[in-house]
Amino acid sequence: MIGDLGQLLAWALGAAGLLGGLLAGRLLGRAQGRREGRREAERDALEDTLERMERGRAAVAEGRAGGDDPAERLRRNDGAW
């Protein structure tokens, strides 16, 4: 009888350990997924920012390559506002 009770207790502890391990694995996996998603979003935002900066630099360089001096560009731009 005591042997049966000990065996039942061992099975119960084993089952509880299994369920606890599954729960811990699920929670850790979810946290890791959130971290990866956050990193991916930050990387995408950085790439977008760099792309915008490059387009802006290209536009400025293109405007300066027009041959006009800065005063002429200012006069032309001032009329557009």
C-alpha atoms as a PDB file:
ATOM      1  CA  MET A   1       0.000   0.000   0.000  1.00  0.00           C
ATOM      2  CA  ILE A   2       2.765   2.457   0.859  1.00  0.00           C
ATOM      3  CA  GLY A   3       4.600   1.404  -2.291  1.00  0.00           C
ATOM      4  CA  ASP A   4       1.524   2.152  -4.377  1.00  0.00           C
ATOM      5  CA  LEU A   5       1.154   5.566  -2.753  1.00  0.00           C
ATOM      6  CA  GLY A   6       4.815   6.364  -3.437  1.00  0.00           C
ATOM      7  CA  GLN A   7       4.445   5.303  -7.047  1.00  0.00           C
ATOM      8  CA  LEU A   8       1.315   7.440  -7.431  1.00  0.00           C
ATOM      9  CA  LEU A   9       3.130  10.388  -5.893  1.00  0.00           C
ATOM     10  CA  ALA A  10       6.068   9.890  -8.271  1.00  0.00           C
ATOM     11  CA  TRP A  11       3.723   9.840 -11.266  1.00  0.00           C
ATOM     12  CA  ALA A  12       1.932  12.965 -10.021  1.00  0.00           C
ATOM     13  CA  LEU A  13       5.221  14.819  -9.534  1.00  0.00           C
ATOM     14  CA  GLY A  14       6.395  13.722 -12.968  1.00  0.00           C
ATOM     15  CA  ALA A  15       3.182  14.929 -14.599  1.00  0.00           C
ATOM     16  CA  ALA A  16       3.378  18.248 -12.732  1.00  0.00           C
ATOM     17  CA  GLY A  17       7.000  18.665 -13.823  1.00  0.00           C
ATOM     18  CA  LEU A  18       6.046  17.932 -17.424  1.00  0.00           C
ATOM     19  CA  LEU A  19       3.234  20.479 -17.385  1.00  0.00           C
ATOM     20  CA  GLY A  20       5.465  23.057 -15.694  1.00  0.00           C
ATOM     21  CA  GLY A  21       8.153  22.516 -18.319  1.00  0.00           C
ATOM     22  CA  LEU A  22       5.658  22.908 -21.149  1.00  0.00           C
ATOM     23  CA  LEU A  23       4.301  26.111 -19.655  1.00  0.00           C
ATOM     24  CA  ALA A  24       7.783  27.546 -19.111  1.00  0.00           C
ATOM     25  CA  GLY A  25       8.819  26.661 -22.668  1.00  0.00           C
ATOM     26  CA  ARG A  26       5.727  28.301 -24.090  1.00  0.00           C
ATOM     27  CA  LEU A  27       6.267  31.507 -22.122  1.00  0.00           C
ATOM     28  CA  LEU A  28       9.956  31.698 -23.023  1.00  0.00           C
ATOM     29  CA  GLY A  29       9.166  31.087 -26.697  1.00  0.00           C
ATOM     30  CA  ARG A  30       6.597  33.859 -26.704  1.00  0.00           C
ATOM     31  CA  ALA A  31       9.045  36.298 -25.102  1.00  0.00           C
ATOM     32  CA  GLN A  32      11.715  35.402 -27.647  1.00  0.00           C
ATOM     33  CA  GLY A  33       9.241  35.947 -30.503  1.00  0.00           C
ATOM     34  CA  ARG A  34       8.382  39.389 -29.179  1.00  0.00           C
ATOM     35  CA  ARG A  35      12.067  40.300 -28.924  1.00  0.00           C
ATOM     36  CA  GLU A  36      12.729  39.183 -32.493  1.00  0.00           C
ATOM     37  CA  GLY A  37       9.694  41.088 -33.754  1.00  0.00           C
ATOM     38  CA  ARG A  38      10.832  44.236 -31.977  1.00  0.00           C
ATOM     39  CA  ARG A  39      14.337  43.929 -33.406  1.00  0.00           C
ATOM     40  CA  GLU A  40      12.954  43.409 -36.903  1.00  0.00           C
ATOM     41  CA  ALA A  41      10.745  46.498 -36.580  1.00  0.00           C
ATOM     42  CA  GLU A  42      13.700  48.583 -35.361  1.00  0.00           C
ATOM     43  CA  ARG A  43      15.851  47.331 -38.243  1.00  0.00           C
ATOM     44  CA  ASP A  44      13.103  48.148 -40.775  1.00  0.00           C
ATOM     45  CA  ALA A  45      12.691  51.633 -39.316  1.00  0.00           C
ATOM     46  CA  LEU A  46      16.444  52.237 -39.500  1.00  0.00           C
ATOM     47  CA  GLU A  47      16.568  51.085 -43.125  1.00  0.00           C
ATOM     48  CA  ASP A  48      13.627  53.365 -43.956  1.00  0.00           C
ATOM     49  CA  THR A  49      15.338  56.315 -42.268  1.00  0.00           C
ATOM     50  CA  LEU A  50      18.580  55.693 -44.127  1.00  0.00           C
ATOM     51  CA  GLU A  51      16.712  55.397 -47.431  1.00  0.00           C
ATOM     52  CA  ARG A  52      14.946  58.715 -46.805  1.00  0.00           C
ATOM     53  CA  MET A  53      18.240  60.390 -45.948  1.00  0.00           C
ATOM     54  CA  GLU A  54      19.818  59.124 -49.169  1.00  0.00           C
ATOM     55  CA  ARG A  55      16.874  60.383 -51.235  1.00  0.00           C
ATOM     56  CA  GLY A  56      17.127  63.775 -49.525  1.00  0.00           C
ATOM     57  CA  ARG A  57      20.852  63.992 -50.147  1.00  0.00           C
ATOM     58  CA  ALA A  58      20.337  63.066 -53.788  1.00  0.00           C
ATOM     59  CA  ALA A  59      17.660  65.752 -54.145  1.00  0.00           C
ATOM     60  CA  VAL A  60      19.926  68.385 -52.585  1.00  0.00           C
ATOM     61  CA  ALA A  61      22.823  67.358 -54.808  1.00  0.00           C
ATOM     62  CA  GLU A  62      20.564  67.458 -57.854  1.00  0.00           C
ATOM     63  CA  GLY A  63      19.372  70.949 -56.941  1.00  0.00           C
ATOM     64  CA  ARG A  64      22.934  72.167 -56.494  1.00  0.00           C
ATOM     65  CA  ALA A  65      24.000  70.653 -59.794  1.00  0.00           C
ATOM     66  CA  GLY A  66      21.624  72.994 -61.631  1.00  0.00           C
ATOM     67  CA  GLY A  67      24.390  75.555 -62.025  1.00  0.00           C
ATOM     68  CA  ASP A  68      22.676  78.375 -60.136  1.00  0.00           C
ATOM     69  CA  ASP A  69      24.388  80.113 -57.275  1.00  0.00           C
ATOM     70  CA  PRO A  70      22.786  79.891 -53.804  1.00  0.00           C
ATOM     71  CA  ALA A  71      21.214  83.365 -54.077  1.00  0.00           C
ATOM     72  CA  GLU A  72      19.474  82.435 -57.326  1.00  0.00           C
ATOM     73  CA  ARG A  73      18.184  79.178 -55.834  1.00  0.00           C
ATOM     74  CA  LEU A  74      16.852  81.130 -52.856  1.00  0.00           C
ATOM     75  CA  ARG A  75      15.038  83.617 -55.107  1.00  0.00           C
ATOM     76  CA  ARG A  76      13.537  80.811 -57.179  1.00  0.00           C
ATOM     77  CA  ASN A  77      12.474  78.901 -54.055  1.00  0.00           C
ATOM     78  CA  ASP A  78      11.119  82.007 -52.333  1.00  0.00           C
ATOM     79  CA  GLY A  79       8.695  82.609 -55.172  1.00  0.00           C
ATOM     80  CA  ALA A  80       7.358  79.060 -54.811  1.00  0.00           C
ATOM     81  CA  TRP A  81       6.241  79.686 -51.237  1.00  0.00           C
END
